[in-house]
Amino acid sequence: MLLWAGGVLLLLLSVAVAVTIGPARISVPDVWSAVAAHLGFGSSDLSPIRDGIIWNLRMPRTLLAAVCGAGLAVCGTVMQSLLRNPLADPFVLGV
């Protein structure tokens, strides 16, 4: 259970850091405050432009990248378990 909590915490931290990357300088606390404000856990002191950059531009792309990565991980796990080979790889097997 502790491993799952650590993984989720690491995922949230990496999403917050990924949202800060771009031409507009936005810090991780700004990201946390904007997300908390949109989820109803407080208010944000960010300008509407910075809030829009976080919530409308960067957050959807970052979350989609996380979902795609999770989907690829599930597909790899299913392939390895179906073929009963821990080294199962599409390039090795020709699948």
PDB file of N, CA and C in Angstrom:
ATOM      1  N   MET A   1       0.828  -1.196   0.000  1.00  0.00           N
ATOM      2  CA  MET A   1       0.000   0.000   0.000  1.00  0.00           C
ATOM      3  C   MET A   1       0.872   1.259   0.000  1.00  0.00           C
ATOM      4  N   LEU A   2       1.965   1.187   0.738  1.00  0.00           N
ATOM      5  CA  LEU A   2       2.867   2.330   0.801  1.00  0.00           C
ATOM      6  C   LEU A   2       3.512   2.598  -0.556  1.00  0.00           C
ATOM      7  N   LEU A   3       3.766   1.533  -1.297  1.00  0.00           N
ATOM      8  CA  LEU A   3       4.347   1.682  -2.632  1.00  0.00           C
ATOM      9  C   LEU A   3       3.386   2.403  -3.575  1.00  0.00           C
ATOM     10  N   TRP A   4       2.096   2.071  -3.489  1.00  0.00           N
ATOM     11  CA  TRP A   4       1.092   2.741  -4.318  1.00  0.00           C
ATOM     12  C   TRP A   4       1.001   4.224  -3.967  1.00  0.00           C
ATOM     13  N   ALA A   5       1.013   4.520  -2.677  1.00  0.00           N
ATOM     14  CA  ALA A   5       0.932   5.920  -2.255  1.00  0.00           C
ATOM     15  C   ALA A   5       2.150   6.699  -2.738  1.00  0.00           C
ATOM     16  N   GLY A   6       3.316   6.079  -2.663  1.00  0.00           N
ATOM     17  CA  GLY A   6       4.521   6.738  -3.165  1.00  0.00           C
ATOM     18  C   GLY A   6       4.468   6.957  -4.663  1.00  0.00           C
ATOM     19  N   GLY A   7       3.923   5.985  -5.396  1.00  0.00           N
ATOM     20  CA  GLY A   7       3.795   6.132  -6.843  1.00  0.00           C
ATOM     21  C   GLY A   7       2.828   7.236  -7.228  1.00  0.00           C
ATOM     22  N   VAL A   8       1.705   7.307  -6.532  1.00  0.00           N
ATOM     23  CA  VAL A   8       0.720   8.362  -6.815  1.00  0.00           C
ATOM     24  C   VAL A   8       1.299   9.727  -6.471  1.00  0.00           C
ATOM     25  N   LEU A   9       2.018   9.812  -5.357  1.00  0.00           N
ATOM     26  CA  LEU A   9       2.642  11.077  -4.975  1.00  0.00           C
ATOM     27  C   LEU A   9       3.686  11.500  -6.003  1.00  0.00           C
ATOM     28  N   LEU A  10       4.475  10.552  -6.465  1.00  0.00           N
ATOM     29  CA  LEU A  10       5.472  10.846  -7.494  1.00  0.00           C
ATOM     30  C   LEU A  10       4.820  11.272  -8.811  1.00  0.00           C
ATOM     31  N   LEU A  11       3.704  10.641  -9.162  1.00  0.00           N
ATOM     32  CA  LEU A  11       2.975  11.028 -10.372  1.00  0.00           C
ATOM     33  C   LEU A  11       2.436  12.453 -10.259  1.00  0.00           C
ATOM     34  N   LEU A  12       1.846  12.797  -9.126  1.00  0.00           N
ATOM     35  CA  LEU A  12       1.322  14.150  -8.935  1.00  0.00           C
ATOM     36  C   LEU A  12       2.433  15.192  -8.975  1.00  0.00           C
ATOM     37  N   LEU A  13       3.561  14.866  -8.375  1.00  0.00           N
ATOM     38  CA  LEU A  13       4.686  15.795  -8.397  1.00  0.00           C
ATOM     39  C   LEU A  13       5.235  15.967  -9.806  1.00  0.00           C
ATOM     40  N   SER A  14       5.331  14.878 -10.558  1.00  0.00           N
ATOM     41  CA  SER A  14       5.856  14.988 -11.927  1.00  0.00           C
ATOM     42  C   SER A  14       4.880  15.738 -12.836  1.00  0.00           C
ATOM     43  N   VAL A  15       3.578  15.578 -12.618  1.00  0.00           N
ATOM     44  CA  VAL A  15       2.592  16.343 -13.392  1.00  0.00           C
ATOM     45  C   VAL A  15       2.726  17.824 -13.065  1.00  0.00           C
ATOM     46  N   ALA A  16       2.884  18.157 -11.794  1.00  0.00           N
ATOM     47  CA  ALA A  16       3.024  19.566 -11.410  1.00  0.00           C
ATOM     48  C   ALA A  16       4.284  20.175 -12.008  1.00  0.00           C
ATOM     49  N   VAL A  17       5.368  19.423 -12.020  1.00  0.00           N
ATOM     50  CA  VAL A  17       6.616  19.939 -12.603  1.00  0.00           C
ATOM     51  C   VAL A  17       6.488  20.050 -14.115  1.00  0.00           C
ATOM     52  N   ALA A  18       5.818  19.084 -14.755  1.00  0.00           N
ATOM     53  CA  ALA A  18       5.664  19.120 -16.213  1.00  0.00           C
ATOM     54  C   ALA A  18       4.827  20.318 -16.659  1.00  0.00           C
ATOM     55  N   VAL A  19       3.865  20.712 -15.845  1.00  0.00           N
ATOM     56  CA  VAL A  19       3.022  21.861 -16.197  1.00  0.00           C
ATOM     57  C   VAL A  19       3.824  23.157 -16.145  1.00  0.00           C
ATOM     58  N   THR A  20       4.880  23.199 -15.358  1.00  0.00           N
ATOM     59  CA  THR A  20       5.672  24.434 -15.254  1.00  0.00           C
ATOM     60  C   THR A  20       6.585  24.659 -16.446  1.00  0.00           C
ATOM     61  N   ILE A  21       6.801  23.653 -17.258  1.00  0.00           N
ATOM     62  CA  ILE A  21       7.741  23.772 -18.377  1.00  0.00           C
ATOM     63  C   ILE A  21       7.072  24.492 -19.546  1.00  0.00           C
ATOM     64  N   GLY A  22       7.662  25.558 -19.991  1.00  0.00           N
ATOM     65  CA  GLY A  22       7.129  26.315 -21.116  1.00  0.00           C
ATOM     66  C   GLY A  22       7.690  27.723 -21.121  1.00  0.00           C
ATOM     67  N   PRO A  23       7.290  28.510 -22.124  1.00  0.00           N
ATOM     68  CA  PRO A  23       7.837  29.866 -22.225  1.00  0.00           C
ATOM     69  C   PRO A  23       7.380  30.795 -21.103  1.00  0.00           C
ATOM     70  N   ALA A  24       6.189  30.590 -20.562  1.00  0.00           N
ATOM     71  CA  ALA A  24       5.719  31.417 -19.444  1.00  0.00           C
ATOM     72  C   ALA A  24       6.252  30.820 -18.143  1.00  0.00           C
ATOM     73  N   ARG A  25       6.863  31.648 -17.328  1.00  0.00           N
ATOM     74  CA  ARG A  25       7.440  31.166 -16.069  1.00  0.00           C
ATOM     75  C   ARG A  25       6.326  30.988 -15.031  1.00  0.00           C
ATOM     76  N   ILE A  26       6.077  29.735 -14.692  1.00  0.00           N
ATOM     77  CA  ILE A  26       5.064  29.385 -13.698  1.00  0.00           C
ATOM     78  C   ILE A  26       5.722  28.416 -12.725  1.00  0.00           C
ATOM     79  N   SER A  27       5.537  28.659 -11.435  1.00  0.00           N
ATOM     80  CA  SER A  27       6.175  27.809 -10.433  1.00  0.00           C
ATOM     81  C   SER A  27       5.225  26.686  -9.996  1.00  0.00           C
ATOM     82  N   VAL A  28       5.791  25.702  -9.320  1.00  0.00           N
ATOM     83  CA  VAL A  28       4.993  24.570  -8.837  1.00  0.00           C
ATOM     84  C   VAL A  28       3.936  25.026  -7.826  1.00  0.00           C
ATOM     85  N   PRO A  29       4.242  25.931  -6.877  1.00  0.00           N
ATOM     86  CA  PRO A  29       3.167  26.413  -5.985  1.00  0.00           C
ATOM     87  C   PRO A  29       2.029  27.115  -6.734  1.00  0.00           C
ATOM     88  N   ASP A  30       2.375  27.808  -7.825  1.00  0.00           N
ATOM     89  CA  ASP A  30       1.314  28.421  -8.641  1.00  0.00           C
ATOM     90  C   ASP A  30       0.410  27.354  -9.261  1.00  0.00           C
ATOM     91  N   VAL A  31       1.014  26.270  -9.712  1.00  0.00           N
ATOM     92  CA  VAL A  31       0.229  25.175 -10.292  1.00  0.00           C
ATOM     93  C   VAL A  31      -0.688  24.568  -9.240  1.00  0.00           C
ATOM     94  N   TRP A  32      -0.132  24.302  -8.049  1.00  0.00           N
ATOM     95  CA  TRP A  32      -0.950  23.716  -6.984  1.00  0.00           C
ATOM     96  C   TRP A  32      -2.105  24.643  -6.608  1.00  0.00           C
ATOM     97  N   SER A  33      -1.849  25.948  -6.514  1.00  0.00           N
ATOM     98  CA  SER A  33      -2.921  26.871  -6.134  1.00  0.00           C
ATOM     99  C   SER A  33      -3.987  26.972  -7.216  1.00  0.00           C
ATOM    100  N   ALA A  34      -3.591  26.953  -8.481  1.00  0.00           N
ATOM    101  CA  ALA A  34      -4.572  27.019  -9.566  1.00  0.00           C
ATOM    102  C   ALA A  34      -5.433  25.759  -9.599  1.00  0.00           C
ATOM    103  N   VAL A  35      -4.814  24.608  -9.440  1.00  0.00           N
ATOM    104  CA  VAL A  35      -5.581  23.352  -9.449  1.00  0.00           C
ATOM    105  C   VAL A  35      -6.502  23.297  -8.238  1.00  0.00           C
ATOM    106  N   ALA A  36      -6.003  23.694  -7.070  1.00  0.00           N
ATOM    107  CA  ALA A  36      -6.839  23.691  -5.867  1.00  0.00           C
ATOM    108  C   ALA A  36      -8.011  24.654  -6.012  1.00  0.00           C
ATOM    109  N   ALA A  37      -7.773  25.809  -6.632  1.00  0.00           N
ATOM    110  CA  ALA A  37      -8.852  26.778  -6.830  1.00  0.00           C
ATOM    111  C   ALA A  37      -9.921  26.222  -7.768  1.00  0.00           C
ATOM    112  N   HIS A  38      -9.519  25.527  -8.810  1.00  0.00           N
ATOM    113  CA  HIS A  38     -10.496  24.977  -9.745  1.00  0.00           C
ATOM    114  C   HIS A  38     -11.251  23.792  -9.154  1.00  0.00           C
ATOM    115  N   LEU A  39     -10.625  23.093  -8.221  1.00  0.00           N
ATOM    116  CA  LEU A  39     -11.301  21.969  -7.572  1.00  0.00           C
ATOM    117  C   LEU A  39     -12.106  22.401  -6.350  1.00  0.00           C
ATOM    118  N   GLY A  40     -12.073  23.687  -6.011  1.00  0.00           N
ATOM    119  CA  GLY A  40     -12.884  24.218  -4.921  1.00  0.00           C
ATOM    120  C   GLY A  40     -12.233  24.162  -3.556  1.00  0.00           C
ATOM    121  N   PHE A  41     -10.904  24.080  -3.495  1.00  0.00           N
ATOM    122  CA  PHE A  41     -10.204  24.000  -2.218  1.00  0.00           C
ATOM    123  C   PHE A  41      -9.507  25.295  -1.838  1.00  0.00           C
ATOM    124  N   GLY A  42      -9.914  26.401  -2.367  1.00  0.00           N
ATOM    125  CA  GLY A  42      -9.285  27.671  -2.030  1.00  0.00           C
ATOM    126  C   GLY A  42      -9.367  28.628  -3.196  1.00  0.00           C
ATOM    127  N   SER A  43      -8.558  29.666  -3.110  1.00  0.00           N
ATOM    128  CA  SER A  43      -8.543  30.657  -4.187  1.00  0.00           C
ATOM    129  C   SER A  43      -7.113  30.816  -4.687  1.00  0.00           C
ATOM    130  N   SER A  44      -7.006  31.337  -5.891  1.00  0.00           N
ATOM    131  CA  SER A  44      -5.705  31.518  -6.527  1.00  0.00           C
ATOM    132  C   SER A  44      -5.453  32.993  -6.769  1.00  0.00           C
ATOM    133  N   ASP A  45      -4.220  33.422  -6.571  1.00  0.00           N
ATOM    134  CA  ASP A  45      -3.846  34.816  -6.801  1.00  0.00           C
ATOM    135  C   ASP A  45      -3.264  35.034  -8.188  1.00  0.00           C
ATOM    136  N   LEU A  46      -3.386  34.045  -9.061  1.00  0.00           N
ATOM    137  CA  LEU A  46      -2.832  34.149 -10.397  1.00  0.00           C
ATOM    138  C   LEU A  46      -3.705  35.024 -11.291  1.00  0.00           C
ATOM    139  N   SER A  47      -3.071  35.605 -12.290  1.00  0.00           N
ATOM    140  CA  SER A  47      -3.830  36.373 -13.276  1.00  0.00           C
ATOM    141  C   SER A  47      -4.644  35.402 -14.133  1.00  0.00           C
ATOM    142  N   PRO A  48      -5.710  35.880 -14.755  1.00  0.00           N
ATOM    143  CA  PRO A  48      -6.520  34.989 -15.596  1.00  0.00           C
ATOM    144  C   PRO A  48      -5.728  34.365 -16.750  1.00  0.00           C
ATOM    145  N   ILE A  49      -4.728  35.070 -17.243  1.00  0.00           N
ATOM    146  CA  ILE A  49      -3.920  34.521 -18.337  1.00  0.00           C
ATOM    147  C   ILE A  49      -3.088  33.344 -17.845  1.00  0.00           C
ATOM    148  N   ARG A  50      -2.416  33.506 -16.706  1.00  0.00           N
ATOM    149  CA  ARG A  50      -1.621  32.408 -16.155  1.00  0.00           C
ATOM    150  C   ARG A  50      -2.500  31.240 -15.740  1.00  0.00           C
ATOM    151  N   ASP A  51      -3.658  31.536 -15.199  1.00  0.00           N
ATOM    152  CA  ASP A  51      -4.593  30.477 -14.833  1.00  0.00           C
ATOM    153  C   ASP A  51      -5.053  29.716 -16.075  1.00  0.00           C
ATOM    154  N   GLY A  52      -5.304  30.430 -17.158  1.00  0.00           N
ATOM    155  CA  GLY A  52      -5.692  29.787 -18.409  1.00  0.00           C
ATOM    156  C   GLY A  52      -4.567  28.958 -19.007  1.00  0.00           C
ATOM    157  N   ILE A  53      -3.330  29.444 -18.876  1.00  0.00           N
ATOM    158  CA  ILE A  53      -2.185  28.681 -19.374  1.00  0.00           C
ATOM    159  C   ILE A  53      -2.096  27.355 -18.637  1.00  0.00           C
ATOM    160  N   ILE A  54      -2.266  27.408 -17.324  1.00  0.00           N
ATOM    161  CA  ILE A  54      -2.173  26.176 -16.532  1.00  0.00           C
ATOM    162  C   ILE A  54      -3.355  25.269 -16.820  1.00  0.00           C
ATOM    163  N   TRP A  55      -4.564  25.788 -16.667  1.00  0.00           N
ATOM    164  CA  TRP A  55      -5.755  24.937 -16.678  1.00  0.00           C
ATOM    165  C   TRP A  55      -6.208  24.538 -18.085  1.00  0.00           C
ATOM    166  N   ASN A  56      -6.064  25.416 -19.062  1.00  0.00           N
ATOM    167  CA  ASN A  56      -6.596  25.138 -20.399  1.00  0.00           C
ATOM    168  C   ASN A  56      -5.556  24.634 -21.398  1.00  0.00           C
ATOM    169  N   LEU A  57      -4.294  24.956 -21.198  1.00  0.00           N
ATOM    170  CA  LEU A  57      -3.273  24.551 -22.164  1.00  0.00           C
ATOM    171  C   LEU A  57      -2.394  23.418 -21.656  1.00  0.00           C
ATOM    172  N   ARG A  58      -1.736  23.656 -20.541  1.00  0.00           N
ATOM    173  CA  ARG A  58      -0.717  22.698 -20.108  1.00  0.00           C
ATOM    174  C   ARG A  58      -1.279  21.494 -19.365  1.00  0.00           C
ATOM    175  N   MET A  59      -2.287  21.688 -18.529  1.00  0.00           N
ATOM    176  CA  MET A  59      -2.805  20.572 -17.734  1.00  0.00           C
ATOM    177  C   MET A  59      -3.440  19.476 -18.597  1.00  0.00           C
ATOM    178  N   PRO A  60      -4.265  19.807 -19.597  1.00  0.00           N
ATOM    179  CA  PRO A  60      -4.814  18.720 -20.427  1.00  0.00           C
ATOM    180  C   PRO A  60      -3.742  17.924 -21.164  1.00  0.00           C
ATOM    181  N   ARG A  61      -2.729  18.600 -21.663  1.00  0.00           N
ATOM    182  CA  ARG A  61      -1.650  17.894 -22.370  1.00  0.00           C
ATOM    183  C   ARG A  61      -0.875  16.993 -21.426  1.00  0.00           C
ATOM    184  N   THR A  62      -0.599  17.474 -20.242  1.00  0.00           N
ATOM    185  CA  THR A  62       0.159  16.692 -19.274  1.00  0.00           C
ATOM    186  C   THR A  62      -0.646  15.485 -18.804  1.00  0.00           C
ATOM    187  N   LEU A  63      -1.920  15.681 -18.527  1.00  0.00           N
ATOM    188  CA  LEU A  63      -2.752  14.556 -18.093  1.00  0.00           C
ATOM    189  C   LEU A  63      -2.931  13.530 -19.206  1.00  0.00           C
ATOM    190  N   LEU A  64      -3.051  13.981 -20.445  1.00  0.00           N
ATOM    191  CA  LEU A  64      -3.157  13.051 -21.562  1.00  0.00           C
ATOM    192  C   LEU A  64      -1.866  12.249 -21.729  1.00  0.00           C
ATOM    193  N   ALA A  65      -0.729  12.883 -21.525  1.00  0.00           N
ATOM    194  CA  ALA A  65       0.543  12.163 -21.593  1.00  0.00           C
ATOM    195  C   ALA A  65       0.633  11.115 -20.492  1.00  0.00           C
ATOM    196  N   ALA A  66       0.143  11.430 -19.297  1.00  0.00           N
ATOM    197  CA  ALA A  66       0.150  10.460 -18.199  1.00  0.00           C
ATOM    198  C   ALA A  66      -0.778   9.288 -18.489  1.00  0.00           C
ATOM    199  N   VAL A  67      -1.949   9.562 -19.064  1.00  0.00           N
ATOM    200  CA  VAL A  67      -2.887   8.494 -19.405  1.00  0.00           C
ATOM    201  C   VAL A  67      -2.324   7.612 -20.521  1.00  0.00           C
ATOM    202  N   CYS A  68      -1.684   8.218 -21.507  1.00  0.00           N
ATOM    203  CA  CYS A  68      -1.068   7.423 -22.584  1.00  0.00           C
ATOM    204  C   CYS A  68       0.049   6.551 -22.048  1.00  0.00           C
ATOM    205  N   GLY A  69       0.861   7.074 -21.152  1.00  0.00           N
ATOM    206  CA  GLY A  69       1.915   6.282 -20.544  1.00  0.00           C
ATOM    207  C   GLY A  69       1.361   5.123 -19.728  1.00  0.00           C
ATOM    208  N   ALA A  70       0.280   5.361 -19.009  1.00  0.00           N
ATOM    209  CA  ALA A  70      -0.346   4.283 -18.241  1.00  0.00           C
ATOM    210  C   ALA A  70      -0.917   3.217 -19.168  1.00  0.00           C
ATOM    211  N   GLY A  71      -1.503   3.640 -20.287  1.00  0.00           N
ATOM    212  CA  GLY A  71      -2.032   2.683 -21.256  1.00  0.00           C
ATOM    213  C   GLY A  71      -0.947   1.827 -21.873  1.00  0.00           C
ATOM    214  N   LEU A  72       0.180   2.425 -22.197  1.00  0.00           N
ATOM    215  CA  LEU A  72       1.300   1.654 -22.741  1.00  0.00           C
ATOM    216  C   LEU A  72       1.851   0.674 -21.708  1.00  0.00           C
ATOM    217  N   ALA A  73       1.883   1.091 -20.446  1.00  0.00           N
ATOM    218  CA  ALA A  73       2.354   0.195 -19.390  1.00  0.00           C
ATOM    219  C   ALA A  73       1.417  -0.991 -19.226  1.00  0.00           C
ATOM    220  N   VAL A  74       0.115  -0.744 -19.298  1.00  0.00           N
ATOM    221  CA  VAL A  74      -0.855  -1.841 -19.184  1.00  0.00           C
ATOM    222  C   VAL A  74      -0.731  -2.787 -20.370  1.00  0.00           C
ATOM    223  N   CYS A  75      -0.570  -2.250 -21.562  1.00  0.00           N
ATOM    224  CA  CYS A  75      -0.421  -3.107 -22.745  1.00  0.00           C
ATOM    225  C   CYS A  75       0.833  -3.973 -22.647  1.00  0.00           C
ATOM    226  N   GLY A  76       1.923  -3.406 -22.172  1.00  0.00           N
ATOM    227  CA  GLY A  76       3.140  -4.184 -22.008  1.00  0.00           C
ATOM    228  C   GLY A  76       2.989  -5.268 -20.960  1.00  0.00           C
ATOM    229  N   THR A  77       2.312  -4.955 -19.872  1.00  0.00           N
ATOM    230  CA  THR A  77       2.081  -5.949 -18.823  1.00  0.00           C
ATOM    231  C   THR A  77       1.193  -7.073 -19.314  1.00  0.00           C
ATOM    232  N   VAL A  78       0.149  -6.738 -20.068  1.00  0.00           N
ATOM    233  CA  VAL A  78      -0.745  -7.767 -20.613  1.00  0.00           C
ATOM    234  C   VAL A  78       0.016  -8.655 -21.589  1.00  0.00           C
ATOM    235  N   MET A  79       0.845  -8.063 -22.435  1.00  0.00           N
ATOM    236  CA  MET A  79       1.610  -8.853 -23.400  1.00  0.00           C
ATOM    237  C   MET A  79       2.568  -9.810 -22.687  1.00  0.00           C
ATOM    238  N   GLN A  80       3.237  -9.326 -21.663  1.00  0.00           N
ATOM    239  CA  GLN A  80       4.170 -10.176 -20.939  1.00  0.00           C
ATOM    240  C   GLN A  80       3.453 -11.289 -20.177  1.00  0.00           C
ATOM    241  N   SER A  81       2.279 -10.999 -19.645  1.00  0.00           N
ATOM    242  CA  SER A  81       1.573 -12.037 -18.894  1.00  0.00           C
ATOM    243  C   SER A  81       0.902 -13.049 -19.823  1.00  0.00           C
ATOM    244  N   LEU A  82       0.405 -12.624 -20.960  1.00  0.00           N
ATOM    245  CA  LEU A  82      -0.215 -13.565 -21.891  1.00  0.00           C
ATOM    246  C   LEU A  82       0.811 -14.519 -22.505  1.00  0.00           C
ATOM    247  N   LEU A  83       1.974 -14.003 -22.821  1.00  0.00           N
ATOM    248  CA  LEU A  83       3.007 -14.830 -23.426  1.00  0.00           C
ATOM    249  C   LEU A  83       3.878 -15.532 -22.392  1.00  0.00           C
ATOM    250  N   ARG A  84       3.659 -15.238 -21.122  1.00  0.00           N
ATOM    251  CA  ARG A  84       4.412 -15.821 -20.011  1.00  0.00           C
ATOM    252  C   ARG A  84       5.917 -15.669 -20.211  1.00  0.00           C
ATOM    253  N   ASN A  85       6.285 -14.495 -20.663  1.00  0.00           N
ATOM    254  CA  ASN A  85       7.686 -14.202 -20.904  1.00  0.00           C
ATOM    255  C   ASN A  85       7.963 -12.800 -20.352  1.00  0.00           C
ATOM    256  N   PRO A  86       8.767 -12.674 -19.308  1.00  0.00           N
ATOM    257  CA  PRO A  86       9.028 -11.350 -18.754  1.00  0.00           C
ATOM    258  C   PRO A  86       9.810 -10.437 -19.695  1.00  0.00           C
ATOM    259  N   LEU A  87      10.406 -11.006 -20.722  1.00  0.00           N
ATOM    260  CA  LEU A  87      11.158 -10.201 -21.688  1.00  0.00           C
ATOM    261  C   LEU A  87      10.385  -9.994 -22.979  1.00  0.00           C
ATOM    262  N   ALA A  88       9.071 -10.248 -22.957  1.00  0.00           N
ATOM    263  CA  ALA A  88       8.258 -10.112 -24.167  1.00  0.00           C
ATOM    264  C   ALA A  88       8.296  -8.683 -24.671  1.00  0.00           C
ATOM    265  N   ASP A  89       8.618  -8.542 -25.912  1.00  0.00           N
ATOM    266  CA  ASP A  89       8.756  -7.237 -26.538  1.00  0.00           C
ATOM    267  C   ASP A  89       8.293  -7.384 -27.981  1.00  0.00           C
ATOM    268  N   PRO A  90       7.521  -6.445 -28.504  1.00  0.00           N
ATOM    269  CA  PRO A  90       7.058  -6.578 -29.876  1.00  0.00           C
ATOM    270  C   PRO A  90       8.193  -6.706 -30.880  1.00  0.00           C
ATOM    271  N   PHE A  91       9.321  -6.080 -30.623  1.00  0.00           N
ATOM    272  CA  PHE A  91      10.439  -6.138 -31.566  1.00  0.00           C
ATOM    273  C   PHE A  91      11.150  -7.492 -31.522  1.00  0.00           C
ATOM    274  N   VAL A  92      11.172  -8.100 -30.350  1.00  0.00           N
ATOM    275  CA  VAL A  92      11.826  -9.400 -30.194  1.00  0.00           C
ATOM    276  C   VAL A  92      10.940 -10.505 -30.750  1.00  0.00           C
ATOM    277  N   LEU A  93       9.632 -10.429 -30.477  1.00  0.00           N
ATOM    278  CA  LEU A  93       8.706 -11.489 -30.869  1.00  0.00           C
ATOM    279  C   LEU A  93       8.159 -11.327 -32.288  1.00  0.00           C
ATOM    280  N   GLY A  94       8.252 -10.154 -32.833  1.00  0.00           N
ATOM    281  CA  GLY A  94       7.689  -9.916 -34.155  1.00  0.00           C
ATOM    282  C   GLY A  94       6.184  -9.793 -34.138  1.00  0.00           C
ATOM    283  N   VAL A  95       5.623  -9.428 -32.992  1.00  0.00           N
ATOM    284  CA  VAL A  95       4.164  -9.310 -32.849  1.00  0.00           C
ATOM    285  C   VAL A  95       3.742  -7.945 -33.360  1.00  0.00           C
TER     286      VAL A  95
END
